[in-house]
Amino acid sequence: MTSSFRWPRLIGHRGAAKWAPENTLASFLCASQAGAPWVELDVRLSRDGIPVVFHDSTLELTSSCKGRVVDHNLGD
């Protein structure tokens, strides 16, 4: 099977983390404005089963909360 699909030359890793906090809408918009047709992002499930965009399995590095994402409800 022949495919005409072509991978983009530029993909924003977690958006454009150099200009905005990673995995945020602001970062995704910056990546788009910089010419990235795609962005890579990370999705994890909260304790109540809601998908959240968050890179690390734990919250400490980029938030004021502690523990694993899966151990918190979205509203915590």
C-alpha atoms as a PDB file:
ATOM      1  CA  MET A   1       0.000   0.000   0.000  1.00  0.00           C
ATOM      2  CA  THR A   2       1.428   3.344  -1.020  1.00  0.00           C
ATOM      3  CA  SER A   3       0.718   6.348   1.147  1.00  0.00           C
ATOM      4  CA  SER A   4       1.031  10.009   0.246  1.00  0.00           C
ATOM      5  CA  PHE A   5       1.348  10.927   3.925  1.00  0.00           C
ATOM      6  CA  ARG A   6       4.393  13.066   4.740  1.00  0.00           C
ATOM      7  CA  TRP A   7       5.589  13.737   8.262  1.00  0.00           C
ATOM      8  CA  PRO A   8       5.959  17.429   9.091  1.00  0.00           C
ATOM      9  CA  ARG A   9       9.491  18.807   9.347  1.00  0.00           C
ATOM     10  CA  LEU A  10       8.659  20.639  12.578  1.00  0.00           C
ATOM     11  CA  ILE A  11       6.693  19.335  15.575  1.00  0.00           C
ATOM     12  CA  GLY A  12       6.308  21.434  18.739  1.00  0.00           C
ATOM     13  CA  HIS A  13       7.487  19.306  21.662  1.00  0.00           C
ATOM     14  CA  ARG A  14       4.923  20.027  24.407  1.00  0.00           C
ATOM     15  CA  GLY A  15       4.117  23.114  22.356  1.00  0.00           C
ATOM     16  CA  ALA A  16       6.793  25.802  22.382  1.00  0.00           C
ATOM     17  CA  ALA A  17       8.187  25.428  25.897  1.00  0.00           C
ATOM     18  CA  LYS A  18      10.871  28.051  25.253  1.00  0.00           C
ATOM     19  CA  TRP A  19       8.194  30.760  25.057  1.00  0.00           C
ATOM     20  CA  ALA A  20       5.329  29.494  27.240  1.00  0.00           C
ATOM     21  CA  PRO A  21       4.768  26.878  29.958  1.00  0.00           C
ATOM     22  CA  GLU A  22       4.878  23.410  28.421  1.00  0.00           C
ATOM     23  CA  ASN A  23       1.653  21.527  27.682  1.00  0.00           C
ATOM     24  CA  THR A  24      -0.468  24.683  27.916  1.00  0.00           C
ATOM     25  CA  LEU A  25      -2.761  26.282  25.359  1.00  0.00           C
ATOM     26  CA  ALA A  26      -0.388  29.271  25.295  1.00  0.00           C
ATOM     27  CA  SER A  27       2.500  26.955  24.404  1.00  0.00           C
ATOM     28  CA  PHE A  28       0.489  25.254  21.659  1.00  0.00           C
ATOM     29  CA  LEU A  29      -0.459  28.634  20.172  1.00  0.00           C
ATOM     30  CA  CYS A  30       3.187  29.792  20.283  1.00  0.00           C
ATOM     31  CA  ALA A  31       4.220  26.616  18.450  1.00  0.00           C
ATOM     32  CA  SER A  32       1.603  27.291  15.793  1.00  0.00           C
ATOM     33  CA  GLN A  33       2.744  30.886  15.396  1.00  0.00           C
ATOM     34  CA  ALA A  34       6.345  29.648  15.065  1.00  0.00           C
ATOM     35  CA  GLY A  35       5.262  27.456  12.142  1.00  0.00           C
ATOM     36  CA  ALA A  36       4.804  24.052  13.780  1.00  0.00           C
ATOM     37  CA  PRO A  37       1.871  22.294  12.095  1.00  0.00           C
ATOM     38  CA  TRP A  38       1.780  19.674  14.884  1.00  0.00           C
ATOM     39  CA  VAL A  39       2.401  19.606  18.621  1.00  0.00           C
ATOM     40  CA  GLU A  40       3.317  16.674  20.841  1.00  0.00           C
ATOM     41  CA  LEU A  41       1.590  16.573  24.199  1.00  0.00           C
ATOM     42  CA  ASP A  42       1.205  14.206  27.126  1.00  0.00           C
ATOM     43  CA  VAL A  43      -2.144  13.052  28.501  1.00  0.00           C
ATOM     44  CA  ARG A  44      -2.683  11.345  31.848  1.00  0.00           C
ATOM     45  CA  LEU A  45      -5.828  10.284  33.660  1.00  0.00           C
ATOM     46  CA  SER A  46      -6.812  11.855  36.967  1.00  0.00           C
ATOM     47  CA  ARG A  47      -8.189   9.665  39.776  1.00  0.00           C
ATOM     48  CA  ASP A  48     -11.721  10.427  38.617  1.00  0.00           C
ATOM     49  CA  GLY A  49     -10.861   9.242  35.084  1.00  0.00           C
ATOM     50  CA  ILE A  50     -10.622  12.637  33.405  1.00  0.00           C
ATOM     51  CA  PRO A  51      -7.849  13.071  30.819  1.00  0.00           C
ATOM     52  CA  VAL A  52      -5.498  15.946  31.660  1.00  0.00           C
ATOM     53  CA  VAL A  53      -2.607  17.358  29.648  1.00  0.00           C
ATOM     54  CA  PHE A  54       0.395  16.898  31.941  1.00  0.00           C
ATOM     55  CA  HIS A  55       3.918  15.656  31.164  1.00  0.00           C
ATOM     56  CA  ASP A  56       5.206  14.179  34.415  1.00  0.00           C
ATOM     57  CA  SER A  57       3.554  11.393  36.363  1.00  0.00           C
ATOM     58  CA  THR A  58       3.958  13.524  39.511  1.00  0.00           C
ATOM     59  CA  LEU A  59       2.830  17.095  40.127  1.00  0.00           C
ATOM     60  CA  GLU A  60       5.776  18.669  41.955  1.00  0.00           C
ATOM     61  CA  LEU A  61       7.864  19.992  39.042  1.00  0.00           C
ATOM     62  CA  THR A  62       5.236  22.235  37.461  1.00  0.00           C
ATOM     63  CA  SER A  63       2.572  22.808  40.112  1.00  0.00           C
ATOM     64  CA  SER A  64       2.144  23.601  43.793  1.00  0.00           C
ATOM     65  CA  CYS A  65       0.598  20.165  44.442  1.00  0.00           C
ATOM     66  CA  LYS A  66       2.335  16.955  45.474  1.00  0.00           C
ATOM     67  CA  GLY A  67       1.899  13.340  44.459  1.00  0.00           C
ATOM     68  CA  ARG A  68       0.938  11.471  41.346  1.00  0.00           C
ATOM     69  CA  VAL A  69      -1.572  12.831  38.836  1.00  0.00           C
ATOM     70  CA  VAL A  70      -3.549   9.575  39.068  1.00  0.00           C
ATOM     71  CA  ASP A  71      -3.974  10.089  42.833  1.00  0.00           C
ATOM     72  CA  HIS A  72      -5.820  13.418  42.445  1.00  0.00           C
ATOM     73  CA  ASN A  73      -9.297  14.249  41.198  1.00  0.00           C
ATOM     74  CA  LEU A  74      -9.435  16.993  38.597  1.00  0.00           C
ATOM     75  CA  GLY A  75     -11.044  19.369  41.120  1.00  0.00           C
ATOM     76  CA  ASP A  76      -8.458  18.764  43.887  1.00  0.00           C
END
